[in-house]
């Protein structure tokens, strides 16, 4: 499992509500949102692109096996404890790793406008910067991977993609005052039904630049082992801006700027380790939203009491009760003014495994929630996630970004289980913020590690049912209930210390999705690549990609041949 630098937001309170008591993760006041936005990421998918980053599938999977799944829960929040201080003294205070990638590619399906495609040469410049901070007053990770693309025959495809992921934990006053910062940016498909970046050509007429930022200042006071109090606020901003304003399609996609602001105030009182097997946290939270679509003048207010009792050292019973006030000014209006209840358990049969299962009613939905990581052996690990929530497109992305952390390679992971998370996906696309959905997300993933081979499999299910629309949202026949299924497998083989082979296959199907009026559509993507290390810092890469994408503006088969070089500075 990747190194846990800090423990934001979602689910860590569940881990803390176990016996023996392990203290409070930060910031506690946001833990009450038991939503599980985002699904499991196909491991190594970030390494499929033309530039090919410094860490392959093997490095990512090896990181999953290095630490307990609940390591995040074993640290006393952000305030350094003895174990945290020892780790910090071992690790360098700053690790800065820049690199430069250059690539040339040829494709037979560059979008030429009017639904047509033509062959083109492509030049790609992809500098990257990875920063890991483990200093006295700041901890975090920054992963910058901007991309500049130039097409010789299709000028409309030329452009700059601002891709990055970052988080930081600032200690203003040790053990008392903190600020957490997060940022995320990506260029993704608007219509969906498209393969991962680097395996296909993303039509810039149907793509957008997505951003999400958050700042969370908060105060904490610990009264010995008896009680901990916390108060703070979180300001978040998320937006989607189309790369082209000329999108012309009957699909339910937007060619205008969309954004969502949210302000959340929270306060919490939590029992300390003096109560042994029993844990309790009383949380009050108020969230105000504003922006385009269904975000305008929406709010979520909750007061929750989270309880835990350790039956054994590995099994903890969990319960939540409280009240919530939720309002979206949609058509028809969506209102929730009712009690909250949840019950379940946390099972940690071994240090590197954790299974959290709860069932109950929250956000106006009665449903099961699952978040698990289980190490079968030292070489085989399974992950599973399942949730049902009421949310909009921008709110779902904002919650997913805010509830993730980064591993040392800059990949987003679950703070409780360490599972790799998918914050954006060209297959799902970026949905309109005009619709309030009841969304079901389910995903399973497996990682298998051999001496020379690494295999990762991921399956994802998503179902969206519209339950409300923004006023003046346009024709609603485009917002039919949708179901997406996506599966992928990646195999990486080390021929020797310098030569690596990589194979990637992905298949997906969409049924009546809100991104198109058509019925079932299917996607198939495959790529094969060879990477050769000229030295410890320089790598050559040859890749062939094939995709069949009968959706969006570029329909049909795409072939891409890529030759690239990357040098770590």
Foldseek 3Di string as FASTA:
>chain_A
DFDDFAAFAEDLVQVQLFFLHQADAPPPQRHVPNDDFFDFDQQQLVQQAQQGDPDGSQVLVVNLLPFAQAVNNNAHHNQHDPVLVVVLVVDDQKDKWKKKKKKKKWKQACDQDPLGGGIWIKIKIWIWIWMAGSDPFKGWIKIWTKMFMDTPPHRQLGDIFTFIWIKMWGHPDRPWKIKIKIKGKGKAFALALDARHRQFRHRLLGIWIKMKIKMKIKTWDDDPQFKIKMWIKMKMKIKIARSDLPNDDPFQGDNHIWMKIKMKIKIKMKTGSVVGQKIKMWMWMKMFMDIPAQRHGWIKTWIKMKIWGYPDNFKIKIKMKTWMWTWTVFVVTDTGTDMWIKIWMWGDPDRRWIWTWMFTDDQRDTDIWIWIWDDPDSFKIKTKTKDKHKAFLRVSLNVNSSQWGAGSNGFTAHSNRRRTTDSDGNNVRRGDRFFIWGKIKIKMKMWGDDPFKIKIKMKIKMKTCTDGGGPPSPDCLLAHIKIKIKIKMKMKGDPDPFKIKIKIKMKMWMACHSRDNDGIFMKIKIKIKMWGDPDSFKIKMWMWMWMARCDDSHHGIMIMIMIMMMGID
